[in-house]
C-alpha atoms as a PDB file:
ATOM      1  CA  MET A   1    -115.132 -17.426  67.573  1.00  0.00           C
ATOM      2  CA  LEU A   2    -112.824 -16.643  70.552  1.00  0.00           C
ATOM      3  CA  ILE A   3    -113.324 -18.911  73.565  1.00  0.00           C
ATOM      4  CA  ASN A   4    -112.202 -18.204  77.110  1.00  0.00           C
ATOM      5  CA  ILE A   5    -112.281 -20.923  79.595  1.00  0.00           C
ATOM      6  CA  THR A   6    -111.800 -19.882  83.268  1.00  0.00           C
ATOM      7  CA  LEU A   7    -111.432 -22.383  86.099  1.00  0.00           C
ATOM      8  CA  GLN A   8    -112.005 -21.446  89.576  1.00  0.00           C
ATOM      9  CA  THR A   9    -110.849 -23.535  92.517  1.00  0.00           C
ATOM     10  CA  PHE A  10    -112.306 -22.604  95.910  1.00  0.00           C
ATOM     11  CA  MET A  11    -111.239 -23.581  99.439  1.00  0.00           C
ATOM     12  CA  SER A  12    -114.650 -24.993 100.364  1.00  0.00           C
ATOM     13  CA  GLU A  13    -118.053 -25.947  98.920  1.00  0.00           C
ATOM     14  CA  ASN A  14    -119.549 -23.076 100.824  1.00  0.00           C
ATOM     15  CA  ASP A  15    -117.320 -20.511  99.046  1.00  0.00           C
ATOM     16  CA  LEU A  16    -118.112 -22.111  95.644  1.00  0.00           C
ATOM     17  CA  GLU A  17    -121.861 -21.706  96.501  1.00  0.00           C
ATOM     18  CA  LEU A  18    -121.434 -18.224  97.583  1.00  0.00           C
ATOM     19  CA  SER A  19    -119.597 -17.229  94.477  1.00  0.00           C
ATOM     20  CA  ASP A  20    -122.305 -18.836  92.348  1.00  0.00           C
ATOM     21  CA  SER A  21    -125.054 -17.207  94.335  1.00  0.00           C
ATOM     22  CA  ARG A  22    -123.451 -13.740  93.987  1.00  0.00           C
ATOM     23  CA  TRP A  23    -123.387 -14.220  90.152  1.00  0.00           C
ATOM     24  CA  THR A  24    -126.990 -15.442  90.048  1.00  0.00           C
ATOM     25  CA  ASN A  25    -128.104 -12.207  91.818  1.00  0.00           C
ATOM     26  CA  VAL A  26    -126.418  -9.884  89.425  1.00  0.00           C
ATOM     27  CA  LYS A  27    -126.150 -11.651  86.041  1.00  0.00           C
ATOM     28  CA  ASP A  28    -129.480 -10.326  84.607  1.00  0.00           C
ATOM     29  CA  GLN A  29    -128.014  -6.713  85.045  1.00  0.00           C
ATOM     30  CA  TYR A  30    -124.886  -7.504  83.068  1.00  0.00           C
ATOM     31  CA  LEU A  31    -125.560 -10.249  80.506  1.00  0.00           C
ATOM     32  CA  PRO A  32    -127.659  -8.143  78.203  1.00  0.00           C
ATOM     33  CA  ARG A  33    -124.784  -5.600  77.984  1.00  0.00           C
ATOM     34  CA  LEU A  34    -122.193  -8.346  77.396  1.00  0.00           C
ATOM     35  CA  TYR A  35    -124.394  -9.960  74.605  1.00  0.00           C
ATOM     36  CA  ASN A  36    -124.696  -6.554  72.937  1.00  0.00           C
ATOM     37  CA  LEU A  37    -120.984  -6.141  72.850  1.00  0.00           C
ATOM     38  CA  GLY A  38    -120.393  -9.650  71.222  1.00  0.00           C
ATOM     39  CA  LEU A  39    -120.516 -12.312  73.897  1.00  0.00           C
ATOM     40  CA  GLU A  40    -122.263 -15.183  72.036  1.00  0.00           C
ATOM     41  CA  ARG A  41    -122.674 -17.637  75.029  1.00  0.00           C
ATOM     42  CA  TYR A  42    -121.815 -18.048  78.531  1.00  0.00           C
ATOM     43  CA  THR A  43    -121.891 -21.334  80.473  1.00  0.00           C
ATOM     44  CA  THR A  44    -120.937 -22.176  84.034  1.00  0.00           C
ATOM     45  CA  THR A  45    -120.233 -25.871  85.010  1.00  0.00           C
ATOM     46  CA  SER A  46    -119.608 -27.333  88.552  1.00  0.00           C
ATOM     47  CA  ILE A  47    -116.673 -29.710  88.137  1.00  0.00           C
ATOM     48  CA  TRP A  48    -117.845 -32.997  89.737  1.00  0.00           C
ATOM     49  CA  ASN A  49    -115.298 -35.529  88.802  1.00  0.00           C
ATOM     50  CA  ARG A  50    -112.623 -34.014  91.126  1.00  0.00           C
ATOM     51  CA  ALA A  51    -113.937 -35.140  94.498  1.00  0.00           C
ATOM     52  CA  ASP A  52    -111.031 -33.477  96.342  1.00  0.00           C
ATOM     53  CA  LYS A  53    -111.599 -30.053  94.806  1.00  0.00           C
ATOM     54  CA  PHE A  54    -114.444 -27.433  94.672  1.00  0.00           C
ATOM     55  CA  GLN A  55    -114.240 -25.995  91.110  1.00  0.00           C
ATOM     56  CA  LEU A  56    -116.293 -24.024  88.644  1.00  0.00           C
ATOM     57  CA  ALA A  57    -115.477 -23.714  84.978  1.00  0.00           C
ATOM     58  CA  HIS A  58    -116.815 -20.736  83.041  1.00  0.00           C
ATOM     59  CA  ILE A  59    -116.952 -20.872  79.288  1.00  0.00           C
ATOM     60  CA  PHE A  60    -117.166 -17.526  77.420  1.00  0.00           C
ATOM     61  CA  GLU A  61    -117.802 -17.613  73.691  1.00  0.00           C
ATOM     62  CA  TYR A  62    -117.191 -14.273  71.906  1.00  0.00           C
ATOM     63  CA  ARG A  63    -117.738 -13.248  68.432  1.00  0.00           C
ATOM     64  CA  ASP A  64    -114.029 -12.323  68.035  1.00  0.00           C
ATOM     65  CA  LYS A  65    -111.211 -10.714  70.012  1.00  0.00           C
ATOM     66  CA  GLU A  66    -112.637  -7.317  69.626  1.00  0.00           C
ATOM     67  CA  ALA A  67    -115.850  -8.406  71.209  1.00  0.00           C
ATOM     68  CA  MET A  68    -113.920  -9.867  74.106  1.00  0.00           C
ATOM     69  CA  ASP A  69    -111.902  -6.700  74.603  1.00  0.00           C
ATOM     70  CA  ALA A  70    -115.129  -4.719  74.592  1.00  0.00           C
ATOM     71  CA  CYS A  71    -116.462  -6.893  77.356  1.00  0.00           C
ATOM     72  CA  LEU A  72    -113.511  -6.795  79.615  1.00  0.00           C
ATOM     73  CA  PRO A  73    -114.380  -3.502  81.269  1.00  0.00           C
ATOM     74  CA  ILE A  74    -117.844  -4.857  82.260  1.00  0.00           C
ATOM     75  CA  TRP A  75    -116.266  -7.941  83.789  1.00  0.00           C
ATOM     76  CA  GLY A  76    -113.967  -5.598  85.801  1.00  0.00           C
ATOM     77  CA  GLU A  77    -117.125  -3.632  86.767  1.00  0.00           C
ATOM     78  CA  ILE A  78    -118.746  -6.638  88.034  1.00  0.00           C
ATOM     79  CA  GLU A  79    -115.599  -7.700  90.049  1.00  0.00           C
ATOM     80  CA  ALA A  80    -115.470  -4.321  91.613  1.00  0.00           C
ATOM     81  CA  THR A  81    -118.998  -4.505  92.983  1.00  0.00           C
ATOM     82  CA  TRP A  82    -117.986  -7.445  95.378  1.00  0.00           C
ATOM     83  CA  ARG A  83    -116.520  -5.859  98.430  1.00  0.00           C
ATOM     84  CA  GLU A  84    -115.779  -9.168 100.122  1.00  0.00           C
ATOM     85  CA  LYS A  85    -113.506 -11.366  97.983  1.00  0.00           C
ATOM     86  CA  ILE A  86    -113.952 -15.054  98.018  1.00  0.00           C
ATOM     87  CA  MET A  87    -110.544 -16.833  98.186  1.00  0.00           C
ATOM     88  CA  ASN A  88    -110.017 -18.968  95.058  1.00  0.00           C
ATOM     89  CA  LYS A  89    -107.403 -19.785  92.477  1.00  0.00           C
ATOM     90  CA  THR A  90    -108.439 -18.518  89.021  1.00  0.00           C
ATOM     91  CA  THR A  91    -106.814 -19.666  85.824  1.00  0.00           C
ATOM     92  CA  SER A  92    -107.931 -18.591  82.269  1.00  0.00           C
ATOM     93  CA  TYR A  93    -107.228 -20.017  78.857  1.00  0.00           C
ATOM     94  CA  ARG A  94    -108.061 -18.187  75.620  1.00  0.00           C
ATOM     95  CA  GLY A  95    -108.174 -19.907  72.117  1.00  0.00           C
ATOM     96  CA  ILE A  96    -109.697 -19.594  68.736  1.00  0.00           C
ATOM     97  CA  GLN A  97    -112.181 -22.186  67.755  1.00  0.00           C
ATOM     98  CA  ILE A  98    -110.879 -24.377  65.061  1.00  0.00           C
ATOM     99  CA  SER A  99    -113.579 -27.199  65.023  1.00  0.00           C
ATOM    100  CA  CYS A 100    -117.217 -27.597  66.085  1.00  0.00           C
ATOM    101  CA  ASP A 101    -119.319 -30.606  65.530  1.00  0.00           C
ATOM    102  CA  ALA A 102    -122.911 -31.274  66.453  1.00  0.00           C
ATOM    103  CA  PRO A 103    -125.434 -33.877  65.428  1.00  0.00           C
ATOM    104  CA  ASP A 104    -127.792 -33.127  62.608  1.00  0.00           C
ATOM    105  CA  ASN A 105    -131.288 -32.788  64.238  1.00  0.00           C
ATOM    106  CA  ASN A 106    -133.238 -33.167  60.957  1.00  0.00           C
END
């Protein structure tokens, strides 16, 4: 599994909410295509323990590097549809999953 964690830091809470709202409005058009190409799971979190910052963390879990590479053009397509850019600092980290633990629900 290949995991991409992208952190976005916005200038204001309004900018964060606008970005989240834009994604909510279009995600149903794009997620099925991304899942078909190998995106296994997508999670967005609002970072709440940094009171002085307005941040979102996006966690993308791909089947493998090839799946991620296949999805990148779709992410570019999504970005291109937004005429008005929302000022933010974006930092991405990519890694290979080496461990995963979960409770046994039996």
